[in-house]
Amino acid sequence: MTRKHYIKKWRYLRWRLLQLPCNKGEKRKDWYWSVGQKNIPTPSELGCSYGEMWAKVVKAMRTIEGLEDIE
């Protein structure tokens, strides 16, 4: 998985989180690419590849009600 693909997945995850019933008052619906480029760590900082990190994130997110189907 490339950095670009990883950031796209984070944008998707943020969108899915905003769809949950507890986030109806959230005003910001978009997550800018520049924010991802600045805040997403590199694989050396993560200590694993982007694919492995995404697998960990998805495992944690599936425990949230409403996100059981996230890929």
PDB file of N, CA and C in Angstrom:
ATOM      1  N   MET A   1       0.849  -1.173   0.000  1.00  0.00           N
ATOM      2  CA  MET A   1       0.000   0.000   0.000  1.00  0.00           C
ATOM      3  C   MET A   1       0.895   1.238   0.000  1.00  0.00           C
ATOM      4  N   THR A   2       0.559   2.174  -0.856  1.00  0.00           N
ATOM      5  CA  THR A   2       1.335   3.408  -0.936  1.00  0.00           C
ATOM      6  C   THR A   2       0.811   4.442   0.058  1.00  0.00           C
ATOM      7  N   ARG A   3       1.590   5.495   0.250  1.00  0.00           N
ATOM      8  CA  ARG A   3       1.177   6.579   1.145  1.00  0.00           C
ATOM      9  C   ARG A   3      -0.132   7.212   0.660  1.00  0.00           C
ATOM     10  N   LYS A   4      -0.244   7.409  -0.657  1.00  0.00           N
ATOM     11  CA  LYS A   4      -1.445   8.005  -1.222  1.00  0.00           C
ATOM     12  C   LYS A   4      -2.672   7.135  -0.926  1.00  0.00           C
ATOM     13  N   HIS A   5      -2.541   5.830  -1.098  1.00  0.00           N
ATOM     14  CA  HIS A   5      -3.640   4.911  -0.828  1.00  0.00           C
ATOM     15  C   HIS A   5      -4.005   4.927   0.655  1.00  0.00           C
ATOM     16  N   TYR A   6      -2.997   4.980   1.513  1.00  0.00           N
ATOM     17  CA  TYR A   6      -3.214   5.027   2.959  1.00  0.00           C
ATOM     18  C   TYR A   6      -3.990   6.289   3.355  1.00  0.00           C
ATOM     19  N   ILE A   7      -3.613   7.434   2.783  1.00  0.00           N
ATOM     20  CA  ILE A   7      -4.301   8.689   3.097  1.00  0.00           C
ATOM     21  C   ILE A   7      -5.741   8.632   2.594  1.00  0.00           C
ATOM     22  N   LYS A   8      -5.965   8.049   1.420  1.00  0.00           N
ATOM     23  CA  LYS A   8      -7.334   7.904   0.918  1.00  0.00           C
ATOM     24  C   LYS A   8      -8.172   7.064   1.871  1.00  0.00           C
ATOM     25  N   LYS A   9      -7.580   6.015   2.422  1.00  0.00           N
ATOM     26  CA  LYS A   9      -8.306   5.172   3.370  1.00  0.00           C
ATOM     27  C   LYS A   9      -8.623   5.946   4.651  1.00  0.00           C
ATOM     28  N   TRP A  10      -7.697   6.802   5.107  1.00  0.00           N
ATOM     29  CA  TRP A  10      -7.960   7.626   6.285  1.00  0.00           C
ATOM     30  C   TRP A  10      -9.093   8.603   6.033  1.00  0.00           C
ATOM     31  N   ARG A  11      -9.147   9.172   4.819  1.00  0.00           N
ATOM     32  CA  ARG A  11     -10.252  10.073   4.477  1.00  0.00           C
ATOM     33  C   ARG A  11     -11.574   9.322   4.507  1.00  0.00           C
ATOM     34  N   TYR A  12     -11.570   8.102   3.981  1.00  0.00           N
ATOM     35  CA  TYR A  12     -12.774   7.274   3.999  1.00  0.00           C
ATOM     36  C   TYR A  12     -13.182   6.965   5.440  1.00  0.00           C
ATOM     37  N   LEU A  13     -12.206   6.622   6.279  1.00  0.00           N
ATOM     38  CA  LEU A  13     -12.496   6.318   7.675  1.00  0.00           C
ATOM     39  C   LEU A  13     -13.098   7.536   8.374  1.00  0.00           C
ATOM     40  N   ARG A  14     -12.559   8.715   8.148  1.00  0.00           N
ATOM     41  CA  ARG A  14     -13.101   9.920   8.768  1.00  0.00           C
ATOM     42  C   ARG A  14     -14.530  10.163   8.307  1.00  0.00           C
ATOM     43  N   TRP A  15     -14.794   9.953   7.013  1.00  0.00           N
ATOM     44  CA  TRP A  15     -16.153  10.101   6.498  1.00  0.00           C
ATOM     45  C   TRP A  15     -17.103   9.118   7.166  1.00  0.00           C
ATOM     46  N   ARG A  16     -16.648   7.859   7.314  1.00  0.00           N
ATOM     47  CA  ARG A  16     -17.491   6.854   7.971  1.00  0.00           C
ATOM     48  C   ARG A  16     -17.759   7.215   9.426  1.00  0.00           C
ATOM     49  N   LEU A  17     -16.776   7.735  10.123  1.00  0.00           N
ATOM     50  CA  LEU A  17     -16.957   8.144  11.519  1.00  0.00           C
ATOM     51  C   LEU A  17     -17.968   9.283  11.622  1.00  0.00           C
ATOM     52  N   LEU A  18     -17.955  10.187  10.636  1.00  0.00           N
ATOM     53  CA  LEU A  18     -18.906  11.293  10.645  1.00  0.00           C
ATOM     54  C   LEU A  18     -20.333  10.830  10.369  1.00  0.00           C
ATOM     55  N   GLN A  19     -20.503   9.638   9.797  1.00  0.00           N
ATOM     56  CA  GLN A  19     -21.836   9.109   9.514  1.00  0.00           C
ATOM     57  C   GLN A  19     -22.489   8.486  10.746  1.00  0.00           C
ATOM     58  N   LEU A  20     -21.724   8.240  11.790  1.00  0.00           N
ATOM     59  CA  LEU A  20     -22.277   7.621  12.999  1.00  0.00           C
ATOM     60  C   LEU A  20     -23.260   8.578  13.675  1.00  0.00           C
ATOM     61  N   PRO A  21     -24.297   8.041  14.313  1.00  0.00           N
ATOM     62  CA  PRO A  21     -25.321   8.885  14.937  1.00  0.00           C
ATOM     63  C   PRO A  21     -24.782   9.875  15.974  1.00  0.00           C
ATOM     64  N   CYS A  22     -23.677   9.556  16.619  1.00  0.00           N
ATOM     65  CA  CYS A  22     -23.143  10.439  17.653  1.00  0.00           C
ATOM     66  C   CYS A  22     -22.462  11.679  17.074  1.00  0.00           C
ATOM     67  N   ASN A  23     -22.270  11.763  15.764  1.00  0.00           N
ATOM     68  CA  ASN A  23     -21.548  12.880  15.144  1.00  0.00           C
ATOM     69  C   ASN A  23     -22.431  13.774  14.292  1.00  0.00           C
ATOM     70  N   LYS A  24     -23.697  13.872  14.592  1.00  0.00           N
ATOM     71  CA  LYS A  24     -24.604  14.673  13.766  1.00  0.00           C
ATOM     72  C   LYS A  24     -24.299  16.164  13.817  1.00  0.00           C
ATOM     73  N   GLY A  25     -23.694  16.660  14.874  1.00  0.00           N
ATOM     74  CA  GLY A  25     -23.403  18.083  14.991  1.00  0.00           C
ATOM     75  C   GLY A  25     -22.095  18.501  14.360  1.00  0.00           C
ATOM     76  N   GLU A  26     -21.346  17.583  13.819  1.00  0.00           N
ATOM     77  CA  GLU A  26     -20.047  17.902  13.221  1.00  0.00           C
ATOM     78  C   GLU A  26     -20.231  18.758  11.967  1.00  0.00           C
ATOM     79  N   LYS A  27     -19.556  19.886  11.912  1.00  0.00           N
ATOM     80  CA  LYS A  27     -19.712  20.798  10.781  1.00  0.00           C
ATOM     81  C   LYS A  27     -18.719  20.516   9.656  1.00  0.00           C
ATOM     82  N   ARG A  28     -17.489  20.140   9.996  1.00  0.00           N
ATOM     83  CA  ARG A  28     -16.479  19.905   8.970  1.00  0.00           C
ATOM     84  C   ARG A  28     -16.664  18.505   8.391  1.00  0.00           C
ATOM     85  N   LYS A  29     -17.038  18.425   7.135  1.00  0.00           N
ATOM     86  CA  LYS A  29     -17.295  17.129   6.510  1.00  0.00           C
ATOM     87  C   LYS A  29     -16.124  16.656   5.654  1.00  0.00           C
ATOM     88  N   ASP A  30     -15.155  17.521   5.394  1.00  0.00           N
ATOM     89  CA  ASP A  30     -14.047  17.135   4.532  1.00  0.00           C
ATOM     90  C   ASP A  30     -12.752  17.093   5.330  1.00  0.00           C
ATOM     91  N   TRP A  31     -11.833  16.332   4.833  1.00  0.00           N
ATOM     92  CA  TRP A  31     -10.508  16.200   5.436  1.00  0.00           C
ATOM     93  C   TRP A  31      -9.522  16.471   4.325  1.00  0.00           C
ATOM     94  N   TYR A  32      -8.791  17.553   4.406  1.00  0.00           N
ATOM     95  CA  TYR A  32      -7.982  18.010   3.294  1.00  0.00           C
ATOM     96  C   TYR A  32      -6.728  17.167   3.110  1.00  0.00           C
ATOM     97  N   TRP A  33      -6.343  17.038   1.859  1.00  0.00           N
ATOM     98  CA  TRP A  33      -5.170  16.234   1.498  1.00  0.00           C
ATOM     99  C   TRP A  33      -3.921  16.750   2.199  1.00  0.00           C
ATOM    100  N   SER A  34      -3.774  18.063   2.294  1.00  0.00           N
ATOM    101  CA  SER A  34      -2.593  18.646   2.929  1.00  0.00           C
ATOM    102  C   SER A  34      -2.498  18.252   4.400  1.00  0.00           C
ATOM    103  N   VAL A  35      -3.631  18.111   5.062  1.00  0.00           N
ATOM    104  CA  VAL A  35      -3.642  17.687   6.463  1.00  0.00           C
ATOM    105  C   VAL A  35      -3.094  16.264   6.566  1.00  0.00           C
ATOM    106  N   GLY A  36      -3.500  15.414   5.646  1.00  0.00           N
ATOM    107  CA  GLY A  36      -3.002  14.037   5.647  1.00  0.00           C
ATOM    108  C   GLY A  36      -1.522  13.966   5.373  1.00  0.00           C
ATOM    109  N   GLN A  37      -1.072  14.745   4.411  1.00  0.00           N
ATOM    110  CA  GLN A  37       0.357  14.743   4.094  1.00  0.00           C
ATOM    111  C   GLN A  37       1.188  15.192   5.295  1.00  0.00           C
ATOM    112  N   LYS A  38       0.649  16.124   6.057  1.00  0.00           N
ATOM    113  CA  LYS A  38       1.390  16.668   7.202  1.00  0.00           C
ATOM    114  C   LYS A  38       1.326  15.739   8.419  1.00  0.00           C
ATOM    115  N   ASN A  39       0.167  15.107   8.663  1.00  0.00           N
ATOM    116  CA  ASN A  39      -0.056  14.398   9.919  1.00  0.00           C
ATOM    117  C   ASN A  39       0.093  12.880   9.866  1.00  0.00           C
ATOM    118  N   ILE A  40       0.110  12.277   8.675  1.00  0.00           N
ATOM    119  CA  ILE A  40       0.261  10.822   8.573  1.00  0.00           C
ATOM    120  C   ILE A  40       1.740  10.486   8.652  1.00  0.00           C
ATOM    121  N   PRO A  41       2.150   9.654   9.600  1.00  0.00           N
ATOM    122  CA  PRO A  41       3.563   9.319   9.739  1.00  0.00           C
ATOM    123  C   PRO A  41       4.068   8.436   8.603  1.00  0.00           C
ATOM    124  N   THR A  42       5.369   8.412   8.412  1.00  0.00           N
ATOM    125  CA  THR A  42       5.992   7.553   7.401  1.00  0.00           C
ATOM    126  C   THR A  42       6.144   6.150   7.968  1.00  0.00           C
ATOM    127  N   PRO A  43       6.378   5.138   7.103  1.00  0.00           N
ATOM    128  CA  PRO A  43       6.556   3.768   7.607  1.00  0.00           C
ATOM    129  C   PRO A  43       7.675   3.631   8.640  1.00  0.00           C
ATOM    130  N   SER A  44       8.742   4.409   8.488  1.00  0.00           N
ATOM    131  CA  SER A  44       9.822   4.321   9.476  1.00  0.00           C
ATOM    132  C   SER A  44       9.363   4.822  10.842  1.00  0.00           C
ATOM    133  N   GLU A  45       8.503   5.821  10.861  1.00  0.00           N
ATOM    134  CA  GLU A  45       7.958   6.321  12.129  1.00  0.00           C
ATOM    135  C   GLU A  45       6.929   5.354  12.708  1.00  0.00           C
ATOM    136  N   LEU A  46       6.207   4.643  11.832  1.00  0.00           N
ATOM    137  CA  LEU A  46       5.197   3.690  12.288  1.00  0.00           C
ATOM    138  C   LEU A  46       5.828   2.407  12.822  1.00  0.00           C
ATOM    139  N   GLY A  47       6.970   2.037  12.266  1.00  0.00           N
ATOM    140  CA  GLY A  47       7.598   0.780  12.657  1.00  0.00           C
ATOM    141  C   GLY A  47       7.029  -0.415  11.903  1.00  0.00           C
ATOM    142  N   CYS A  48       6.180  -0.162  10.919  1.00  0.00           N
ATOM    143  CA  CYS A  48       5.620  -1.220  10.079  1.00  0.00           C
ATOM    144  C   CYS A  48       5.149  -0.585   8.774  1.00  0.00           C
ATOM    145  N   SER A  49       4.693  -1.406   7.849  1.00  0.00           N
ATOM    146  CA  SER A  49       4.240  -0.868   6.563  1.00  0.00           C
ATOM    147  C   SER A  49       2.859  -0.237   6.710  1.00  0.00           C
ATOM    148  N   TYR A  50       2.461   0.510   5.695  1.00  0.00           N
ATOM    149  CA  TYR A  50       1.133   1.122   5.706  1.00  0.00           C
ATOM    150  C   TYR A  50       0.043   0.056   5.735  1.00  0.00           C
ATOM    151  N   GLY A  51       0.260  -1.039   5.007  1.00  0.00           N
ATOM    152  CA  GLY A  51      -0.725  -2.123   4.996  1.00  0.00           C
ATOM    153  C   GLY A  51      -0.919  -2.736   6.370  1.00  0.00           C
ATOM    154  N   GLU A  52       0.176  -2.978   7.072  1.00  0.00           N
ATOM    155  CA  GLU A  52       0.093  -3.542   8.421  1.00  0.00           C
ATOM    156  C   GLU A  52      -0.572  -2.561   9.386  1.00  0.00           C
ATOM    157  N   MET A  53      -0.257  -1.285   9.247  1.00  0.00           N
ATOM    158  CA  MET A  53      -0.864  -0.283  10.121  1.00  0.00           C
ATOM    159  C   MET A  53      -2.359  -0.178   9.852  1.00  0.00           C
ATOM    160  N   TRP A  54      -2.764  -0.219   8.573  1.00  0.00           N
ATOM    161  CA  TRP A  54      -4.178  -0.134   8.253  1.00  0.00           C
ATOM    162  C   TRP A  54      -4.922  -1.336   8.820  1.00  0.00           C
ATOM    163  N   ALA A  55      -4.308  -2.515   8.779  1.00  0.00           N
ATOM    164  CA  ALA A  55      -4.937  -3.711   9.339  1.00  0.00           C
ATOM    165  C   ALA A  55      -5.198  -3.534  10.839  1.00  0.00           C
ATOM    166  N   LYS A  56      -4.263  -2.909  11.542  1.00  0.00           N
ATOM    167  CA  LYS A  56      -4.445  -2.645  12.975  1.00  0.00           C
ATOM    168  C   LYS A  56      -5.577  -1.649  13.214  1.00  0.00           C
ATOM    169  N   VAL A  57      -5.632  -0.612  12.385  1.00  0.00           N
ATOM    170  CA  VAL A  57      -6.684   0.402  12.522  1.00  0.00           C
ATOM    171  C   VAL A  57      -8.048  -0.228  12.280  1.00  0.00           C
ATOM    172  N   VAL A  58      -8.164  -1.022  11.217  1.00  0.00           N
ATOM    173  CA  VAL A  58      -9.444  -1.652  10.877  1.00  0.00           C
ATOM    174  C   VAL A  58      -9.891  -2.609  11.980  1.00  0.00           C
ATOM    175  N   LYS A  59      -8.953  -3.345  12.544  1.00  0.00           N
ATOM    176  CA  LYS A  59      -9.296  -4.263  13.633  1.00  0.00           C
ATOM    177  C   LYS A  59      -9.904  -3.496  14.806  1.00  0.00           C
ATOM    178  N   ALA A  60      -9.327  -2.346  15.130  1.00  0.00           N
ATOM    179  CA  ALA A  60      -9.850  -1.532  16.229  1.00  0.00           C
ATOM    180  C   ALA A  60     -11.195  -0.899  15.862  1.00  0.00           C
ATOM    181  N   MET A  61     -11.337  -0.418  14.637  1.00  0.00           N
ATOM    182  CA  MET A  61     -12.569   0.253  14.221  1.00  0.00           C
ATOM    183  C   MET A  61     -13.753  -0.706  14.154  1.00  0.00           C
ATOM    184  N   ARG A  62     -13.508  -1.968  13.864  1.00  0.00           N
ATOM    185  CA  ARG A  62     -14.609  -2.933  13.781  1.00  0.00           C
ATOM    186  C   ARG A  62     -15.275  -3.185  15.127  1.00  0.00           C
ATOM    187  N   THR A  63     -14.666  -2.757  16.205  1.00  0.00           N
ATOM    188  CA  THR A  63     -15.284  -2.918  17.521  1.00  0.00           C
ATOM    189  C   THR A  63     -16.334  -1.835  17.788  1.00  0.00           C
ATOM    190  N   ILE A  64     -16.401  -0.797  16.943  1.00  0.00           N
ATOM    191  CA  ILE A  64     -17.362   0.294  17.100  1.00  0.00           C
ATOM    192  C   ILE A  64     -18.665  -0.108  16.423  1.00  0.00           C
ATOM    193  N   GLU A  65     -19.754   0.066  17.130  1.00  0.00           N
ATOM    194  CA  GLU A  65     -21.058  -0.251  16.552  1.00  0.00           C
ATOM    195  C   GLU A  65     -21.333   0.661  15.361  1.00  0.00           C
ATOM    196  N   GLY A  66     -21.667   0.072  14.237  1.00  0.00           N
ATOM    197  CA  GLY A  66     -21.891   0.820  13.012  1.00  0.00           C
ATOM    198  C   GLY A  66     -20.724   0.746  12.047  1.00  0.00           C
ATOM    199  N   LEU A  67     -19.573   0.283  12.508  1.00  0.00           N
ATOM    200  CA  LEU A  67     -18.399   0.170  11.637  1.00  0.00           C
ATOM    201  C   LEU A  67     -17.944  -1.283  11.490  1.00  0.00           C
ATOM    202  N   GLU A  68     -18.823  -2.245  11.744  1.00  0.00           N
ATOM    203  CA  GLU A  68     -18.433  -3.644  11.687  1.00  0.00           C
ATOM    204  C   GLU A  68     -18.046  -4.089  10.283  1.00  0.00           C
ATOM    205  N   ASP A  69     -18.523  -3.368   9.249  1.00  0.00           N
ATOM    206  CA  ASP A  69     -18.282  -3.790   7.871  1.00  0.00           C
ATOM    207  C   ASP A  69     -17.117  -3.053   7.204  1.00  0.00           C
ATOM    208  N   ILE A  70     -16.380  -2.232   7.944  1.00  0.00           N
ATOM    209  CA  ILE A  70     -15.296  -1.456   7.324  1.00  0.00           C
ATOM    210  C   ILE A  70     -14.188  -2.382   6.817  1.00  0.00           C
ATOM    211  N   GLU A  71     -13.648  -2.029   5.663  1.00  0.00           N
ATOM    212  CA  GLU A  71     -12.597  -2.864   5.044  1.00  0.00           C
ATOM    213  C   GLU A  71     -11.250  -2.200   5.150  1.00  0.00           C
TER     214      GLU A  71
END
